[in-house]
Amino acid sequence: MPTNQVAENVLGTIGTICWTIQLVPQIWKSWRTKSTEGLSAHLVFLWALSAPFFGVYAIIRNLNVPLIVQPQILSLLCLTSWAQCQYYGHLQKVTTTMVVYVIILAVLAGFEIGMVFAVRPSYRDGNSRPIQFFGIFSSVLLSIALLPQYYEIYKHREVIGISILFMLVDLMGGVFSILSLVFKAEFDVIAAVTYSLVVFLDGIVILLALILNPLAKRRRKREAQADAVMAEHSTAPTPFLDQNEANLRHSDNNPQLKIQ
């Protein structure tokens, strides 16, 4: 594929836009329902941690500007979603949640800036192993992060809490980011693997939602019908009297039995 800087930046920009707004549906859903049940706090927190690692990689490798900006926005939005999990799910106070949020954000920003200055000299000298570590470790965190979410799906036997629109937009961000790398002068394998993992793992969540959610809906409908039938039987008059009660009523209506 020939190098095309315009195509690279356009596709990278589309991918960044997707990854800029990806968590907005999730944040809105959590705020609207005032609940994060079914959404793994570990997922969004580990994604927030992975962003600075890939940010260092993207900056030093001089990827296109949209792909450099993307990890910064991802970290910010992931931490926002994580703060919602603390507030709605763990009932933390607003002030405590905000203080922890700001501290973690500052630590991650400081880490990324410090690592860029620390690793860049060795990369310029031809040592690419440190920067490869950052790219690979980011991929590992992205992969591990979805395991707790899969457990939430297993526990509830359906996909709840997590926005499917969030997963879909995140998946599209990965697709466009991969396409942007195709038009780069040197195809970046590590970045491509990172984006491919996002596409694959998000795709699993979407597929599970398509399979499990209709099954769960039918299961709840059957359970509701069964409960309605039980309630109807419990309130219906008994057609036959208990044998002891029948004998007692018979004796009350028969004077001779009373005398005996």
Protein backbone atom coordinates (compact mmCIF):
# COMPACT_ATOMS: atom_id res chain seq x y z
CA MET A 1 0.00 0.00 0.00
CA PRO A 2 1.56 3.37 -1.02
CA THR A 3 2.22 6.01 1.62
CA ASN A 4 -0.58 8.55 1.85
CA GLN A 5 -0.24 11.06 4.65
CA VAL A 6 -3.63 12.61 3.96
CA ALA A 7 -5.41 9.23 4.19
CA GLU A 8 -3.38 8.36 7.28
CA ASN A 9 -4.42 11.53 9.09
CA VAL A 10 -8.04 11.41 7.95
CA LEU A 11 -8.52 7.81 9.06
CA GLY A 12 -6.57 8.44 12.24
CA THR A 13 -8.76 11.46 12.96
CA ILE A 14 -11.95 9.42 12.47
CA GLY A 15 -10.56 6.77 14.81
CA THR A 16 -9.70 9.44 17.37
CA ILE A 17 -13.17 10.98 17.12
CA CYS A 18 -14.65 7.53 17.79
CA TRP A 19 -12.37 7.07 20.77
CA THR A 20 -13.11 10.59 21.95
CA ILE A 21 -16.85 9.99 22.17
CA GLN A 22 -16.79 6.25 22.83
CA LEU A 23 -17.30 6.51 26.59
CA VAL A 24 -19.81 9.34 26.40
CA PRO A 25 -22.74 6.87 25.92
CA GLN A 26 -21.45 4.84 28.88
CA ILE A 27 -21.02 7.89 31.10
CA TRP A 28 -24.48 9.14 30.10
CA LYS A 29 -26.06 5.72 30.72
CA SER A 30 -24.51 5.49 34.21
CA TRP A 31 -25.57 9.05 35.06
CA ARG A 32 -29.11 8.58 33.73
CA THR A 33 -29.73 5.28 35.56
CA LYS A 34 -27.68 6.30 38.62
CA SER A 35 -26.26 2.78 38.51
CA THR A 36 -23.15 1.02 37.25
CA GLU A 37 -24.34 -2.52 37.98
CA GLY A 38 -22.97 -4.85 35.33
CA LEU A 39 -20.15 -2.47 34.36
CA SER A 40 -16.77 -3.61 35.65
CA ALA A 41 -14.87 -0.81 37.38
CA HIS A 42 -11.71 -2.82 36.69
CA LEU A 43 -12.36 -2.53 32.95
CA VAL A 44 -12.39 1.26 32.80
CA PHE A 45 -9.62 1.63 35.40
CA LEU A 46 -7.22 -0.68 33.57
CA TRP A 47 -8.02 1.06 30.29
CA ALA A 48 -7.16 4.35 32.00
CA LEU A 49 -3.84 2.83 33.12
CA SER A 50 -3.07 1.49 29.66
CA ALA A 51 -3.52 4.88 27.99
CA PRO A 52 -0.30 6.54 29.28
CA PHE A 53 1.76 3.52 28.19
CA PHE A 54 0.43 3.76 24.68
CA GLY A 55 0.69 7.54 24.86
CA VAL A 56 4.44 7.23 25.46
CA TYR A 57 4.68 4.77 22.59
CA ALA A 58 2.70 6.97 20.19
CA ILE A 59 4.68 10.11 21.01
CA ILE A 60 8.13 8.57 20.69
CA ARG A 61 7.20 6.58 17.58
CA ASN A 62 5.84 9.80 16.11
CA LEU A 63 2.48 8.37 15.07
CA ASN A 64 0.03 10.81 13.49
CA VAL A 65 -1.28 13.57 15.77
CA PRO A 66 -4.80 12.11 16.23
CA LEU A 67 -3.33 8.82 17.48
CA ILE A 68 -1.14 10.75 19.92
CA VAL A 69 -4.12 12.69 21.27
CA GLN A 70 -6.35 9.62 21.54
CA PRO A 71 -4.74 7.97 24.62
CA GLN A 72 -4.98 11.21 26.58
CA ILE A 73 -8.73 11.50 25.96
CA LEU A 74 -9.22 7.79 26.61
CA SER A 75 -7.56 8.05 30.02
CA LEU A 76 -9.67 11.06 31.00
CA LEU A 77 -12.98 9.45 30.02
CA CYS A 78 -12.11 6.06 31.51
CA LEU A 79 -11.31 7.68 34.85
CA THR A 80 -14.60 9.57 34.68
CA SER A 81 -16.46 6.29 34.21
CA TRP A 82 -14.41 4.72 37.01
CA ALA A 83 -15.36 7.61 39.32
CA GLN A 84 -19.02 6.90 38.53
CA CYS A 85 -18.47 3.28 39.55
CA GLN A 86 -17.08 4.47 42.88
CA TYR A 87 -19.92 6.93 43.46
CA TYR A 88 -22.90 4.89 42.26
CA GLY A 89 -21.61 1.36 42.84
CA HIS A 90 -19.50 1.70 45.99
CA LEU A 91 -21.40 4.69 47.42
CA GLN A 92 -18.28 6.80 47.90
CA LYS A 93 -18.72 10.48 48.80
CA VAL A 94 -18.52 13.00 45.95
CA THR A 95 -15.57 14.85 47.51
CA THR A 96 -13.62 11.64 48.13
CA THR A 97 -14.28 10.44 44.59
CA MET A 98 -13.21 13.74 43.04
CA VAL A 99 -10.02 14.00 45.09
CA VAL A 100 -8.97 10.46 44.16
CA TYR A 101 -9.90 11.15 40.51
CA VAL A 102 -7.68 14.24 40.31
CA ILE A 103 -4.77 12.53 42.09
CA ILE A 104 -4.82 9.50 39.76
CA LEU A 105 -5.12 11.74 36.69
CA ALA A 106 -2.14 13.81 37.82
CA VAL A 107 -0.05 10.70 38.53
CA LEU A 108 -0.80 9.21 35.10
CA ALA A 109 -0.01 12.49 33.33
CA GLY A 110 3.25 12.86 35.24
CA PHE A 111 4.18 9.25 34.49
CA GLU A 112 3.61 9.70 30.75
CA ILE A 113 5.58 12.95 30.52
CA GLY A 114 8.44 11.53 32.59
CA MET A 115 8.65 8.34 30.54
CA VAL A 116 8.73 10.27 27.25
CA PHE A 117 11.80 12.20 28.40
CA ALA A 118 13.37 9.08 29.92
CA VAL A 119 12.95 6.74 26.94
CA ARG A 120 13.39 9.12 23.99
CA PRO A 121 17.22 9.37 24.20
CA SER A 122 17.70 5.60 24.03
CA TYR A 123 15.26 5.36 21.12
CA ARG A 124 17.22 8.00 19.22
CA ASP A 125 20.35 5.95 19.84
CA GLY A 126 18.73 2.98 18.12
CA ASN A 127 17.49 1.05 21.17
CA SER A 128 13.83 0.28 20.48
CA ARG A 129 13.29 -2.30 23.21
CA PRO A 130 12.07 0.12 25.91
CA ILE A 131 9.49 1.67 23.62
CA GLN A 132 8.38 -1.75 22.43
CA PHE A 133 7.75 -2.64 26.05
CA PHE A 134 5.39 0.32 26.43
CA GLY A 135 3.43 -0.65 23.33
CA ILE A 136 3.20 -4.33 24.25
CA PHE A 137 2.34 -3.64 27.90
CA SER A 138 -0.47 -1.34 26.77
CA SER A 139 -1.87 -4.20 24.67
CA VAL A 140 -1.63 -6.57 27.63
CA LEU A 141 -3.55 -4.15 29.89
CA LEU A 142 -6.22 -3.62 27.24
CA SER A 143 -6.68 -7.39 26.96
CA ILE A 144 -6.70 -8.12 30.69
CA ALA A 145 -9.14 -5.27 31.34
CA LEU A 146 -12.01 -7.00 29.57
CA LEU A 147 -11.70 -10.22 31.58
CA PRO A 148 -13.53 -8.74 34.61
CA GLN A 149 -16.23 -7.49 32.25
CA TYR A 150 -16.64 -10.99 30.86
CA TYR A 151 -17.07 -12.19 34.45
CA GLU A 152 -19.83 -9.60 34.98
CA ILE A 153 -21.55 -10.93 31.87
CA TYR A 154 -21.17 -14.51 33.14
CA LYS A 155 -22.51 -13.54 36.57
CA HIS A 156 -25.61 -11.80 35.22
CA ARG A 157 -26.02 -14.18 32.26
CA GLU A 158 -26.53 -11.14 30.04
CA VAL A 159 -24.84 -7.88 29.10
CA ILE A 160 -26.16 -5.17 31.42
CA GLY A 161 -24.69 -1.95 32.76
CA ILE A 162 -22.27 -1.55 29.88
CA SER A 163 -23.46 0.47 26.90
CA ILE A 164 -23.50 -1.48 23.63
CA LEU A 165 -23.16 1.82 21.77
CA PHE A 166 -19.97 2.41 23.75
CA MET A 167 -18.61 -0.96 22.63
CA LEU A 168 -19.63 -0.37 19.02
CA VAL A 169 -18.04 3.08 18.80
CA ASP A 170 -14.90 1.76 20.51
CA LEU A 171 -14.73 -1.06 17.95
CA MET A 172 -15.07 1.39 15.05
CA GLY A 173 -12.30 3.52 16.54
CA GLY A 174 -10.03 0.50 16.41
CA VAL A 175 -10.96 -0.25 12.80
CA PHE A 176 -10.23 3.27 11.56
CA SER A 177 -7.00 3.46 13.58
CA ILE A 178 -5.78 0.23 11.96
CA LEU A 179 -6.64 1.61 8.52
CA SER A 180 -4.66 4.77 9.27
CA LEU A 181 -1.57 2.66 9.95
CA VAL A 182 -1.89 1.01 6.54
CA PHE A 183 -1.11 4.32 4.83
CA LYS A 184 1.88 5.09 7.07
CA ALA A 185 5.38 4.91 5.55
CA GLU A 186 6.30 2.17 8.04
CA PHE A 187 3.53 -0.13 9.22
CA ASP A 188 3.52 -0.20 13.02
CA VAL A 189 2.92 -3.82 14.06
CA ILE A 190 2.62 -3.18 17.80
CA ALA A 191 0.09 -0.38 17.33
CA ALA A 192 -1.84 -2.59 14.89
CA VAL A 193 -1.93 -5.43 17.44
CA THR A 194 -3.20 -3.04 20.12
CA TYR A 195 -6.00 -1.76 17.89
CA SER A 196 -6.85 -5.28 16.69
CA LEU A 197 -7.24 -6.48 20.26
CA VAL A 198 -9.69 -3.65 20.91
CA VAL A 199 -11.72 -4.67 17.86
CA PHE A 200 -11.69 -8.37 18.76
CA LEU A 201 -12.49 -8.01 22.47
CA ASP A 202 -15.21 -5.41 21.91
CA GLY A 203 -16.67 -7.65 19.25
CA ILE A 204 -17.02 -10.48 21.77
CA VAL A 205 -19.03 -8.26 24.13
CA ILE A 206 -21.33 -7.15 21.30
CA LEU A 207 -21.79 -10.76 20.16
CA LEU A 208 -22.60 -11.89 23.70
CA ALA A 209 -25.17 -9.11 23.97
CA LEU A 210 -26.84 -10.25 20.75
CA ILE A 211 -26.98 -13.84 21.99
CA LEU A 212 -27.56 -13.58 25.76
CA ASN A 213 -29.82 -10.55 26.09
CA PRO A 214 -32.74 -11.99 24.05
CA LEU A 215 -32.40 -15.25 26.00
CA ALA A 216 -32.45 -13.35 29.30
CA LYS A 217 -35.52 -11.39 28.18
CA ARG A 218 -37.40 -14.58 27.36
CA ARG A 219 -36.25 -16.13 30.64
CA ARG A 220 -37.62 -13.19 32.64
CA LYS A 221 -40.89 -13.38 30.70
CA ARG A 222 -41.27 -17.07 31.55
CA GLU A 223 -40.48 -16.41 35.21
CA ALA A 224 -43.01 -13.57 35.33
CA GLN A 225 -45.68 -15.83 33.82
CA ALA A 226 -44.86 -18.59 36.31
CA ASP A 227 -45.10 -16.13 39.22
CA ALA A 228 -48.45 -14.88 37.92
CA VAL A 229 -49.80 -18.43 37.74
CA MET A 230 -48.63 -19.19 41.29
CA ALA A 231 -50.17 -15.97 42.58
CA GLU A 232 -53.45 -16.80 40.89
CA HIS A 233 -53.55 -20.30 42.44
CA SER A 234 -52.72 -18.98 45.90
CA THR A 235 -55.64 -16.51 45.88
CA ALA A 236 -58.22 -18.80 44.23
CA PRO A 237 -60.90 -20.42 46.54
CA THR A 238 -60.23 -24.04 47.42
CA PRO A 239 -62.83 -26.23 45.65
CA PHE A 240 -62.60 -29.06 48.16
CA LEU A 241 -62.69 -28.82 51.93
CA ASP A 242 -60.12 -30.41 54.11
CA GLN A 243 -61.48 -33.75 55.45
CA ASN A 244 -61.30 -32.67 59.11
CA GLU A 245 -63.05 -29.40 58.34
CA ALA A 246 -65.75 -31.27 56.43
CA ASN A 247 -66.36 -33.63 59.36
CA LEU A 248 -66.56 -30.69 61.77
CA ARG A 249 -69.13 -28.90 59.66
CA HIS A 250 -71.12 -32.13 59.32
CA SER A 251 -71.22 -32.59 63.11
CA ASP A 252 -72.36 -28.99 63.65
CA ASN A 253 -75.32 -29.55 61.37
CA ASN A 254 -76.26 -32.91 62.94
CA PRO A 255 -77.74 -32.67 66.53
CA GLN A 256 -77.46 -36.40 67.12
CA LEU A 257 -73.72 -36.28 66.53
CA LYS A 258 -73.42 -33.40 69.00
CA ILE A 259 -75.23 -35.41 71.73
CA GLN A 260 -72.99 -38.38 71.17
